[in-house]
Every structure is written in structure tokens, then in C-alpha cells.
Amino acid sequence: PPAEWVVQEQGTAHFTFALAITPDFDG
């Protein structure tokens, strides 16, 4: 399936982060 943006648990005092993640066939 297409990648989905996932907000990451860790961040800094100035920034948050998100990753475009694609699930694979084997988990």
C-alpha cells in the first residue's frame, strides 16, 4: 500500500518529526 505519514514519538524542544512509512509483506 502507499506510504502513510506517521508522527514519531521522539522530538526535540523545537521540532517534531514524521516519517512516510510503507508496510512490508512480512510485518
mmCIF file of all heavy atoms, coordinates in Angstrom:
data_MODEL
# 
_entry.id   MODEL 
# 
loop_
_atom_site.group_PDB 
_atom_site.id 
_atom_site.type_symbol 
_atom_site.label_atom_id 
_atom_site.label_alt_id 
_atom_site.label_comp_id 
_atom_site.label_asym_id 
_atom_site.label_entity_id 
_atom_site.label_seq_id 
_atom_site.pdbx_PDB_ins_code 
_atom_site.Cartn_x 
_atom_site.Cartn_y 
_atom_site.Cartn_z 
_atom_site.occupancy 
_atom_site.B_iso_or_equiv 
_atom_site.pdbx_formal_charge 
_atom_site.auth_seq_id 
_atom_site.auth_comp_id 
_atom_site.auth_asym_id 
_atom_site.auth_atom_id 
_atom_site.pdbx_PDB_model_num 
ATOM 1   N N   . PRO A 1 1  ? 0.836  -1.203  0.000  1.00 0.00 ? 1  PRO A N   1 
ATOM 2   C CA  . PRO A 1 1  ? 0.000  0.000   0.000  1.00 0.00 ? 1  PRO A CA  1 
ATOM 3   C C   . PRO A 1 1  ? 0.868  1.249   0.000  1.00 0.00 ? 1  PRO A C   1 
ATOM 4   O O   . PRO A 1 1  ? 2.067  1.186   0.291  1.00 0.00 ? 1  PRO A O   1 
ATOM 5   C CB  . PRO A 1 1  ? -0.779 -0.132  1.315  1.00 0.00 ? 1  PRO A CB  1 
ATOM 6   C CG  . PRO A 1 1  ? 0.057  -1.020  2.179  1.00 0.00 ? 1  PRO A CG  1 
ATOM 7   C CD  . PRO A 1 1  ? 0.738  -1.970  1.241  1.00 0.00 ? 1  PRO A CD  1 
ATOM 8   N N   . PRO A 1 2  ? 0.301  2.399   -0.347 1.00 0.00 ? 2  PRO A N   1 
ATOM 9   C CA  . PRO A 1 2  ? 1.097  3.631   -0.369 1.00 0.00 ? 2  PRO A CA  1 
ATOM 10  C C   . PRO A 1 2  ? 1.579  4.014   1.018  1.00 0.00 ? 2  PRO A C   1 
ATOM 11  O O   . PRO A 1 2  ? 1.011  3.603   2.034  1.00 0.00 ? 2  PRO A O   1 
ATOM 12  C CB  . PRO A 1 2  ? 0.102  4.668   -0.923 1.00 0.00 ? 2  PRO A CB  1 
ATOM 13  C CG  . PRO A 1 2  ? -1.254 4.096   -0.637 1.00 0.00 ? 2  PRO A CG  1 
ATOM 14  C CD  . PRO A 1 2  ? -1.097 2.615   -0.745 1.00 0.00 ? 2  PRO A CD  1 
ATOM 15  N N   . ALA A 1 3  ? 2.645  4.797   1.050  1.00 0.00 ? 3  ALA A N   1 
ATOM 16  C CA  . ALA A 1 3  ? 3.213  5.219   2.328  1.00 0.00 ? 3  ALA A CA  1 
ATOM 17  C C   . ALA A 1 3  ? 2.254  6.137   3.081  1.00 0.00 ? 3  ALA A C   1 
ATOM 18  O O   . ALA A 1 3  ? 1.509  6.910   2.479  1.00 0.00 ? 3  ALA A O   1 
ATOM 19  C CB  . ALA A 1 3  ? 4.547  5.931   2.087  1.00 0.00 ? 3  ALA A CB  1 
ATOM 20  N N   . GLU A 1 4  ? 2.295  6.042   4.409  1.00 0.00 ? 4  GLU A N   1 
ATOM 21  C CA  . GLU A 1 4  ? 1.490  6.899   5.271  1.00 0.00 ? 4  GLU A CA  1 
ATOM 22  C C   . GLU A 1 4  ? 2.421  7.653   6.221  1.00 0.00 ? 4  GLU A C   1 
ATOM 23  O O   . GLU A 1 4  ? 3.407  7.103   6.702  1.00 0.00 ? 4  GLU A O   1 
ATOM 24  C CB  . GLU A 1 4  ? 0.485  6.069   6.072  1.00 0.00 ? 4  GLU A CB  1 
ATOM 25  C CG  . GLU A 1 4  ? -0.583 5.392   5.223  1.00 0.00 ? 4  GLU A CG  1 
ATOM 26  C CD  . GLU A 1 4  ? -1.616 4.679   6.071  1.00 0.00 ? 4  GLU A CD  1 
ATOM 27  O OE1 . GLU A 1 4  ? -1.492 4.748   7.320  1.00 0.00 ? 4  GLU A OE1 1 
ATOM 28  O OE2 . GLU A 1 4  ? -2.539 4.060   5.516  1.00 0.00 ? 4  GLU A OE2 1 
ATOM 29  N N   . TRP A 1 5  ? 2.070  8.911   6.475  1.00 0.00 ? 5  TRP A N   1 
ATOM 30  C CA  . TRP A 1 5  ? 2.876  9.713   7.394  1.00 0.00 ? 5  TRP A CA  1 
ATOM 31  C C   . TRP A 1 5  ? 2.562  9.310   8.830  1.00 0.00 ? 5  TRP A C   1 
ATOM 32  O O   . TRP A 1 5  ? 1.406  9.294   9.240  1.00 0.00 ? 5  TRP A O   1 
ATOM 33  C CB  . TRP A 1 5  ? 2.607  11.199  7.185  1.00 0.00 ? 5  TRP A CB  1 
ATOM 34  C CG  . TRP A 1 5  ? 3.191  11.710  5.909  1.00 0.00 ? 5  TRP A CG  1 
ATOM 35  C CD1 . TRP A 1 5  ? 2.534  11.935  4.733  1.00 0.00 ? 5  TRP A CD1 1 
ATOM 36  C CD2 . TRP A 1 5  ? 4.563  12.038  5.673  1.00 0.00 ? 5  TRP A CD2 1 
ATOM 37  N NE1 . TRP A 1 5  ? 3.407  12.384  3.765  1.00 0.00 ? 5  TRP A NE1 1 
ATOM 38  C CE2 . TRP A 1 5  ? 4.660  12.464  4.314  1.00 0.00 ? 5  TRP A CE2 1 
ATOM 39  C CE3 . TRP A 1 5  ? 5.711  12.028  6.455  1.00 0.00 ? 5  TRP A CE3 1 
ATOM 40  C CZ2 . TRP A 1 5  ? 5.867  12.873  3.750  1.00 0.00 ? 5  TRP A CZ2 1 
ATOM 41  C CZ3 . TRP A 1 5  ? 6.910  12.421  5.885  1.00 0.00 ? 5  TRP A CZ3 1 
ATOM 42  C CH2 . TRP A 1 5  ? 6.981  12.836  4.555  1.00 0.00 ? 5  TRP A CH2 1 
ATOM 43  N N   . VAL A 1 6  ? 3.621  8.972   9.586  1.00 0.00 ? 6  VAL A N   1 
ATOM 44  C CA  . VAL A 1 6  ? 3.476  8.539   10.970 1.00 0.00 ? 6  VAL A CA  1 
ATOM 45  C C   . VAL A 1 6  ? 4.271  9.490   11.859 1.00 0.00 ? 6  VAL A C   1 
ATOM 46  O O   . VAL A 1 6  ? 5.493  9.627   11.704 1.00 0.00 ? 6  VAL A O   1 
ATOM 47  C CB  . VAL A 1 6  ? 3.987  7.095   11.165 1.00 0.00 ? 6  VAL A CB  1 
ATOM 48  C CG1 . VAL A 1 6  ? 3.857  6.679   12.632 1.00 0.00 ? 6  VAL A CG1 1 
ATOM 49  C CG2 . VAL A 1 6  ? 3.218  6.138   10.255 1.00 0.00 ? 6  VAL A CG2 1 
ATOM 50  N N   . VAL A 1 7  ? 3.590  10.146  12.787 1.00 0.00 ? 7  VAL A N   1 
ATOM 51  C CA  . VAL A 1 7  ? 4.264  11.050  13.721 1.00 0.00 ? 7  VAL A CA  1 
ATOM 52  C C   . VAL A 1 7  ? 5.116  10.216  14.676 1.00 0.00 ? 7  VAL A C   1 
ATOM 53  O O   . VAL A 1 7  ? 4.666  9.206   15.230 1.00 0.00 ? 7  VAL A O   1 
ATOM 54  C CB  . VAL A 1 7  ? 3.241  11.890  14.506 1.00 0.00 ? 7  VAL A CB  1 
ATOM 55  C CG1 . VAL A 1 7  ? 3.952  12.767  15.544 1.00 0.00 ? 7  VAL A CG1 1 
ATOM 56  C CG2 . VAL A 1 7  ? 2.425  12.748  13.554 1.00 0.00 ? 7  VAL A CG2 1 
ATOM 57  N N   . GLN A 1 8  ? 6.351  10.632  14.877 1.00 0.00 ? 8  GLN A N   1 
ATOM 58  C CA  . GLN A 1 8  ? 7.274  9.895   15.719 1.00 0.00 ? 8  GLN A CA  1 
ATOM 59  C C   . GLN A 1 8  ? 7.126  10.278  17.187 1.00 0.00 ? 8  GLN A C   1 
ATOM 60  O O   . GLN A 1 8  ? 6.793  11.421  17.513 1.00 0.00 ? 8  GLN A O   1 
ATOM 61  C CB  . GLN A 1 8  ? 8.710  10.132  15.252 1.00 0.00 ? 8  GLN A CB  1 
ATOM 62  C CG  . GLN A 1 8  ? 8.958  9.657   13.832 1.00 0.00 ? 8  GLN A CG  1 
ATOM 63  C CD  . GLN A 1 8  ? 8.723  8.168   13.686 1.00 0.00 ? 8  GLN A CD  1 
ATOM 64  O OE1 . GLN A 1 8  ? 9.497  7.355   14.200 1.00 0.00 ? 8  GLN A OE1 1 
ATOM 65  N NE2 . GLN A 1 8  ? 7.668  7.792   12.976 1.00 0.00 ? 8  GLN A NE2 1 
ATOM 66  N N   . GLU A 1 9  ? 7.369  9.312   18.061 1.00 0.00 ? 9  GLU A N   1 
ATOM 67  C CA  . GLU A 1 9  ? 7.209  9.550   19.491 1.00 0.00 ? 9  GLU A CA  1 
ATOM 68  C C   . GLU A 1 9  ? 8.250  10.521  20.029 1.00 0.00 ? 9  GLU A C   1 
ATOM 69  O O   . GLU A 1 9  ? 7.976  11.290  20.946 1.00 0.00 ? 9  GLU A O   1 
ATOM 70  C CB  . GLU A 1 9  ? 7.286  8.225   20.250 1.00 0.00 ? 9  GLU A CB  1 
ATOM 71  C CG  . GLU A 1 9  ? 6.131  7.275   19.943 1.00 0.00 ? 9  GLU A CG  1 
ATOM 72  C CD  . GLU A 1 9  ? 6.222  5.978   20.726 1.00 0.00 ? 9  GLU A CD  1 
ATOM 73  O OE1 . GLU A 1 9  ? 7.203  5.828   21.509 1.00 0.00 ? 9  GLU A OE1 1 
ATOM 74  O OE2 . GLU A 1 9  ? 5.335  5.125   20.569 1.00 0.00 ? 9  GLU A OE2 1 
ATOM 75  N N   . GLN A 1 10 ? 9.455  10.476  19.482 1.00 0.00 ? 10 GLN A N   1 
ATOM 76  C CA  . GLN A 1 10 ? 10.517 11.334  19.989 1.00 0.00 ? 10 GLN A CA  1 
ATOM 77  C C   . GLN A 1 10 ? 10.596 12.633  19.188 1.00 0.00 ? 10 GLN A C   1 
ATOM 78  O O   . GLN A 1 10 ? 10.366 12.653  17.976 1.00 0.00 ? 10 GLN A O   1 
ATOM 79  C CB  . GLN A 1 10 ? 11.862 10.613  19.943 1.00 0.00 ? 10 GLN A CB  1 
ATOM 80  C CG  . GLN A 1 10 ? 11.946 9.416   20.874 1.00 0.00 ? 10 GLN A CG  1 
ATOM 81  C CD  . GLN A 1 10 ? 13.365 8.929   21.059 1.00 0.00 ? 10 GLN A CD  1 
ATOM 82  O OE1 . GLN A 1 10 ? 14.334 9.683   20.944 1.00 0.00 ? 10 GLN A OE1 1 
ATOM 83  N NE2 . GLN A 1 10 ? 13.507 7.647   21.382 1.00 0.00 ? 10 GLN A NE2 1 
ATOM 84  N N   . GLY A 1 11 ? 10.930 13.705  19.880 1.00 0.00 ? 11 GLY A N   1 
ATOM 85  C CA  . GLY A 1 11 ? 11.099 15.006  19.251 1.00 0.00 ? 11 GLY A CA  1 
ATOM 86  C C   . GLY A 1 11 ? 12.069 15.839  20.063 1.00 0.00 ? 11 GLY A C   1 
ATOM 87  O O   . GLY A 1 11 ? 12.664 15.367  21.032 1.00 0.00 ? 11 GLY A O   1 
ATOM 88  N N   . THR A 1 12 ? 12.245 17.083  19.674 1.00 0.00 ? 12 THR A N   1 
ATOM 89  C CA  . THR A 1 12 ? 13.121 17.999  20.400 1.00 0.00 ? 12 THR A CA  1 
ATOM 90  C C   . THR A 1 12 ? 12.295 19.174  20.922 1.00 0.00 ? 12 THR A C   1 
ATOM 91  O O   . THR A 1 12 ? 11.090 19.252  20.697 1.00 0.00 ? 12 THR A O   1 
ATOM 92  C CB  . THR A 1 12 ? 14.249 18.522  19.493 1.00 0.00 ? 12 THR A CB  1 
ATOM 93  O OG1 . THR A 1 12 ? 13.692 19.447  18.531 1.00 0.00 ? 12 THR A OG1 1 
ATOM 94  C CG2 . THR A 1 12 ? 14.916 17.383  18.741 1.00 0.00 ? 12 THR A CG2 1 
ATOM 95  N N   . ALA A 1 13 ? 12.958 20.100  21.583 1.00 0.00 ? 13 ALA A N   1 
ATOM 96  C CA  . ALA A 1 13 ? 12.251 21.272  22.106 1.00 0.00 ? 13 ALA A CA  1 
ATOM 97  C C   . ALA A 1 13 ? 11.727 22.152  20.988 1.00 0.00 ? 13 ALA A C   1 
ATOM 98  O O   . ALA A 1 13 ? 10.756 22.893  21.183 1.00 0.00 ? 13 ALA A O   1 
ATOM 99  C CB  . ALA A 1 13 ? 13.189 22.073  23.013 1.00 0.00 ? 13 ALA A CB  1 
ATOM 100 N N   . HIS A 1 14 ? 12.326 22.057  19.803 1.00 0.00 ? 14 HIS A N   1 
ATOM 101 C CA  . HIS A 1 14 ? 11.943 22.930  18.691 1.00 0.00 ? 14 HIS A CA  1 
ATOM 102 C C   . HIS A 1 14 ? 11.238 22.207  17.550 1.00 0.00 ? 14 HIS A C   1 
ATOM 103 O O   . HIS A 1 14 ? 10.570 22.847  16.746 1.00 0.00 ? 14 HIS A O   1 
ATOM 104 C CB  . HIS A 1 14 ? 13.186 23.637  18.136 1.00 0.00 ? 14 HIS A CB  1 
ATOM 105 C CG  . HIS A 1 14 ? 13.905 24.482  19.138 1.00 0.00 ? 14 HIS A CG  1 
ATOM 106 N ND1 . HIS A 1 14 ? 14.966 24.007  19.879 1.00 0.00 ? 14 HIS A ND1 1 
ATOM 107 C CD2 . HIS A 1 14 ? 13.714 25.764  19.534 1.00 0.00 ? 14 HIS A CD2 1 
ATOM 108 C CE1 . HIS A 1 14 ? 15.409 24.962  20.688 1.00 0.00 ? 14 HIS A CE1 1 
ATOM 109 N NE2 . HIS A 1 14 ? 14.668 26.043  20.499 1.00 0.00 ? 14 HIS A NE2 1 
ATOM 110 N N   . PHE A 1 15 ? 11.390 20.878  17.478 1.00 0.00 ? 15 PHE A N   1 
ATOM 111 C CA  . PHE A 1 15 ? 10.873 20.152  16.319 1.00 0.00 ? 15 PHE A CA  1 
ATOM 112 C C   . PHE A 1 15 ? 10.129 18.887  16.719 1.00 0.00 ? 15 PHE A C   1 
ATOM 113 O O   . PHE A 1 15 ? 10.439 18.246  17.736 1.00 0.00 ? 15 PHE A O   1 
ATOM 114 C CB  . PHE A 1 15 ? 12.018 19.757  15.369 1.00 0.00 ? 15 PHE A CB  1 
ATOM 115 C CG  . PHE A 1 15 ? 12.858 20.902  14.901 1.00 0.00 ? 15 PHE A CG  1 
ATOM 116 C CD1 . PHE A 1 15 ? 14.153 21.075  15.360 1.00 0.00 ? 15 PHE A CD1 1 
ATOM 117 C CD2 . PHE A 1 15 ? 12.359 21.823  13.988 1.00 0.00 ? 15 PHE A CD2 1 
ATOM 118 C CE1 . PHE A 1 15 ? 14.935 22.131  14.931 1.00 0.00 ? 15 PHE A CE1 1 
ATOM 119 C CE2 . PHE A 1 15 ? 13.130 22.892  13.549 1.00 0.00 ? 15 PHE A CE2 1 
ATOM 120 C CZ  . PHE A 1 15 ? 14.419 23.035  14.020 1.00 0.00 ? 15 PHE A CZ  1 
ATOM 121 N N   . THR A 1 16 ? 9.158  18.528  15.885 1.00 0.00 ? 16 THR A N   1 
ATOM 122 C CA  . THR A 1 16 ? 8.584  17.191  15.893 1.00 0.00 ? 16 THR A CA  1 
ATOM 123 C C   . THR A 1 16 ? 8.906  16.560  14.541 1.00 0.00 ? 16 THR A C   1 
ATOM 124 O O   . THR A 1 16 ? 9.294  17.259  13.599 1.00 0.00 ? 16 THR A O   1 
ATOM 125 C CB  . THR A 1 16 ? 7.066  17.220  16.125 1.00 0.00 ? 16 THR A CB  1 
ATOM 126 O OG1 . THR A 1 16 ? 6.443  17.989  15.077 1.00 0.00 ? 16 THR A OG1 1 
ATOM 127 C CG2 . THR A 1 16 ? 6.734  17.849  17.473 1.00 0.00 ? 16 THR A CG2 1 
ATOM 128 N N   . PHE A 1 17 ? 8.702  15.260  14.447 1.00 0.00 ? 17 PHE A N   1 
ATOM 129 C CA  . PHE A 1 17 ? 9.123  14.549  13.242 1.00 0.00 ? 17 PHE A CA  1 
ATOM 130 C C   . PHE A 1 17 ? 8.040  13.579  12.778 1.00 0.00 ? 17 PHE A C   1 
ATOM 131 O O   . PHE A 1 17 ? 7.300  13.018  13.582 1.00 0.00 ? 17 PHE A O   1 
ATOM 132 C CB  . PHE A 1 17 ? 10.420 13.781  13.504 1.00 0.00 ? 17 PHE A CB  1 
ATOM 133 C CG  . PHE A 1 17 ? 11.528 14.631  14.051 1.00 0.00 ? 17 PHE A CG  1 
ATOM 134 C CD1 . PHE A 1 17 ? 11.806 14.642  15.413 1.00 0.00 ? 17 PHE A CD1 1 
ATOM 135 C CD2 . PHE A 1 17 ? 12.285 15.434  13.219 1.00 0.00 ? 17 PHE A CD2 1 
ATOM 136 C CE1 . PHE A 1 17 ? 12.820 15.428  15.932 1.00 0.00 ? 17 PHE A CE1 1 
ATOM 137 C CE2 . PHE A 1 17 ? 13.302 16.232  13.716 1.00 0.00 ? 17 PHE A CE2 1 
ATOM 138 C CZ  . PHE A 1 17 ? 13.575 16.232  15.075 1.00 0.00 ? 17 PHE A CZ  1 
ATOM 139 N N   . ALA A 1 18 ? 7.980  13.395  11.467 1.00 0.00 ? 18 ALA A N   1 
ATOM 140 C CA  . ALA A 1 18 ? 7.066  12.417  10.877 1.00 0.00 ? 18 ALA A CA  1 
ATOM 141 C C   . ALA A 1 18 ? 7.796  11.678  9.766  1.00 0.00 ? 18 ALA A C   1 
ATOM 142 O O   . ALA A 1 18 ? 8.631  12.257  9.058  1.00 0.00 ? 18 ALA A O   1 
ATOM 143 C CB  . ALA A 1 18 ? 5.812  13.094  10.331 1.00 0.00 ? 18 ALA A CB  1 
ATOM 144 N N   . LEU A 1 19 ? 7.480  10.391  9.624  1.00 0.00 ? 19 LEU A N   1 
ATOM 145 C CA  . LEU A 1 19 ? 8.086  9.569   8.595  1.00 0.00 ? 19 LEU A CA  1 
ATOM 146 C C   . LEU A 1 19 ? 7.004  9.017   7.670  1.00 0.00 ? 19 LEU A C   1 
ATOM 147 O O   . LEU A 1 19 ? 5.941  8.596   8.134  1.00 0.00 ? 19 LEU A O   1 
ATOM 148 C CB  . LEU A 1 19 ? 8.854  8.399   9.214  1.00 0.00 ? 19 LEU A CB  1 
ATOM 149 C CG  . LEU A 1 19 ? 10.140 8.732   9.990  1.00 0.00 ? 19 LEU A CG  1 
ATOM 150 C CD1 . LEU A 1 19 ? 10.668 7.488   10.676 1.00 0.00 ? 19 LEU A CD1 1 
ATOM 151 C CD2 . LEU A 1 19 ? 11.198 9.314   9.057  1.00 0.00 ? 19 LEU A CD2 1 
ATOM 152 N N   . ALA A 1 20 ? 7.279  9.034   6.362  1.00 0.00 ? 20 ALA A N   1 
ATOM 153 C CA  . ALA A 1 20 ? 6.411  8.359   5.403  1.00 0.00 ? 20 ALA A CA  1 
ATOM 154 C C   . ALA A 1 20 ? 6.839  6.902   5.378  1.00 0.00 ? 20 ALA A C   1 
ATOM 155 O O   . ALA A 1 20 ? 7.940  6.567   4.948  1.00 0.00 ? 20 ALA A O   1 
ATOM 156 C CB  . ALA A 1 20 ? 6.548  8.988   4.019  1.00 0.00 ? 20 ALA A CB  1 
ATOM 157 N N   . ILE A 1 21 ? 5.948  6.028   5.875  1.00 0.00 ? 21 ILE A N   1 
ATOM 158 C CA  . ILE A 1 21 ? 6.303  4.631   6.095  1.00 0.00 ? 21 ILE A CA  1 
ATOM 159 C C   . ILE A 1 21 ? 5.396  3.722   5.275  1.00 0.00 ? 21 ILE A C   1 
ATOM 160 O O   . ILE A 1 21 ? 4.183  3.912   5.222  1.00 0.00 ? 21 ILE A O   1 
ATOM 161 C CB  . ILE A 1 21 ? 6.207  4.279   7.595  1.00 0.00 ? 21 ILE A CB  1 
ATOM 162 C CG1 . ILE A 1 21 ? 7.258  5.076   8.375  1.00 0.00 ? 21 ILE A CG1 1 
ATOM 163 C CG2 . ILE A 1 21 ? 6.379  2.786   7.825  1.00 0.00 ? 21 ILE A CG2 1 
ATOM 164 C CD1 . ILE A 1 21 ? 7.245  4.831   9.857  1.00 0.00 ? 21 ILE A CD1 1 
ATOM 165 N N   . THR A 1 22 ? 6.018  2.722   4.659  1.00 0.00 ? 22 THR A N   1 
ATOM 166 C CA  . THR A 1 22 ? 5.295  1.718   3.887  1.00 0.00 ? 22 THR A CA  1 
ATOM 167 C C   . THR A 1 22 ? 5.396  0.379   4.596  1.00 0.00 ? 22 THR A C   1 
ATOM 168 O O   . THR A 1 22 ? 6.508  -0.074  4.894  1.00 0.00 ? 22 THR A O   1 
ATOM 169 C CB  . THR A 1 22 ? 5.878  1.580   2.468  1.00 0.00 ? 22 THR A CB  1 
ATOM 170 O OG1 . THR A 1 22 ? 5.801  2.838   1.798  1.00 0.00 ? 22 THR A OG1 1 
ATOM 171 C CG2 . THR A 1 22 ? 5.104  0.541   1.666  1.00 0.00 ? 22 THR A CG2 1 
ATOM 172 N N   . PRO A 1 23 ? 4.284  -0.288  4.887  1.00 0.00 ? 23 PRO A N   1 
ATOM 173 C CA  . PRO A 1 23 ? 4.353  -1.637  5.480  1.00 0.00 ? 23 PRO A CA  1 
ATOM 174 C C   . PRO A 1 23 ? 4.838  -2.650  4.463  1.00 0.00 ? 23 PRO A C   1 
ATOM 175 O O   . PRO A 1 23 ? 4.508  -2.577  3.280  1.00 0.00 ? 23 PRO A O   1 
ATOM 176 C CB  . PRO A 1 23 ? 2.912  -1.916  5.905  1.00 0.00 ? 23 PRO A CB  1 
ATOM 177 C CG  . PRO A 1 23 ? 2.083  -1.036  5.030  1.00 0.00 ? 23 PRO A CG  1 
ATOM 178 C CD  . PRO A 1 23 ? 2.902  0.181   4.744  1.00 0.00 ? 23 PRO A CD  1 
ATOM 179 N N   . ASP A 1 24 ? 5.648  -3.592  4.923  1.00 0.00 ? 24 ASP A N   1 
ATOM 180 C CA  . ASP A 1 24 ? 6.173  -4.631  4.045  1.00 0.00 ? 24 ASP A CA  1 
ATOM 181 C C   . ASP A 1 24 ? 5.307  -5.879  4.160  1.00 0.00 ? 24 ASP A C   1 
ATOM 182 O O   . ASP A 1 24 ? 4.370  -5.943  4.945  1.00 0.00 ? 24 ASP A O   1 
ATOM 183 C CB  . ASP A 1 24 ? 7.628  -4.948  4.425  1.00 0.00 ? 24 ASP A CB  1 
ATOM 184 C CG  . ASP A 1 24 ? 8.452  -5.361  3.217  1.00 0.00 ? 24 ASP A CG  1 
ATOM 185 O OD1 . ASP A 1 24 ? 7.845  -5.869  2.265  1.00 0.00 ? 24 ASP A OD1 1 
ATOM 186 O OD2 . ASP A 1 24 ? 9.679  -5.182  3.231  1.00 0.00 ? 24 ASP A OD2 1 
ATOM 187 N N   . PHE A 1 25 ? 5.645  -6.909  3.371  1.00 0.00 ? 25 PHE A N   1 
ATOM 188 C CA  . PHE A 1 25 ? 4.835  -8.119  3.349  1.00 0.00 ? 25 PHE A CA  1 
ATOM 189 C C   . PHE A 1 25 ? 5.008  -8.960  4.608  1.00 0.00 ? 25 PHE A C   1 
ATOM 190 O O   . PHE A 1 25 ? 4.129  -9.715  4.976  1.00 0.00 ? 25 PHE A O   1 
ATOM 191 C CB  . PHE A 1 25 ? 5.177  -8.962  2.113  1.00 0.00 ? 25 PHE A CB  1 
ATOM 192 C CG  . PHE A 1 25 ? 4.880  -8.257  0.818  1.00 0.00 ? 25 PHE A CG  1 
ATOM 193 C CD1 . PHE A 1 25 ? 5.907  -7.781  0.020  1.00 0.00 ? 25 PHE A CD1 1 
ATOM 194 C CD2 . PHE A 1 25 ? 3.576  -8.044  0.409  1.00 0.00 ? 25 PHE A CD2 1 
ATOM 195 C CE1 . PHE A 1 25 ? 5.640  -7.134  -1.177 1.00 0.00 ? 25 PHE A CE1 1 
ATOM 196 C CE2 . PHE A 1 25 ? 3.307  -7.385  -0.781 1.00 0.00 ? 25 PHE A CE2 1 
ATOM 197 C CZ  . PHE A 1 25 ? 4.336  -6.933  -1.579 1.00 0.00 ? 25 PHE A CZ  1 
ATOM 198 N N   . ASP A 1 26 ? 6.157  -8.882  5.270  1.00 0.00 ? 26 ASP A N   1 
ATOM 199 C CA  . ASP A 1 26 ? 6.434  -9.765  6.397  1.00 0.00 ? 26 ASP A CA  1 
ATOM 200 C C   . ASP A 1 26 ? 6.360  -9.049  7.736  1.00 0.00 ? 26 ASP A C   1 
ATOM 201 O O   . ASP A 1 26 ? 6.981  -9.460  8.702  1.00 0.00 ? 26 ASP A O   1 
ATOM 202 C CB  . ASP A 1 26 ? 7.815  -10.410 6.235  1.00 0.00 ? 26 ASP A CB  1 
ATOM 203 C CG  . ASP A 1 26 ? 8.926  -9.377  6.131  1.00 0.00 ? 26 ASP A CG  1 
ATOM 204 O OD1 . ASP A 1 26 ? 8.606  -8.171  6.083  1.00 0.00 ? 26 ASP A OD1 1 
ATOM 205 O OD2 . ASP A 1 26 ? 10.106 -9.753  6.097  1.00 0.00 ? 26 ASP A OD2 1 
ATOM 206 N N   . GLY A 1 27 ? 5.607  -7.963  7.805  1.00 0.00 ? 27 GLY A N   1 
ATOM 207 C CA  . GLY A 1 27 ? 5.446  -7.241  9.058  1.00 0.00 ? 27 GLY A CA  1 
ATOM 208 C C   . GLY A 1 27 ? 6.489  -6.170  9.304  1.00 0.00 ? 27 GLY A C   1 
ATOM 209 O O   . GLY A 1 27 ? 6.450  -5.488  10.328 1.00 0.00 ? 27 GLY A O   1 
# 
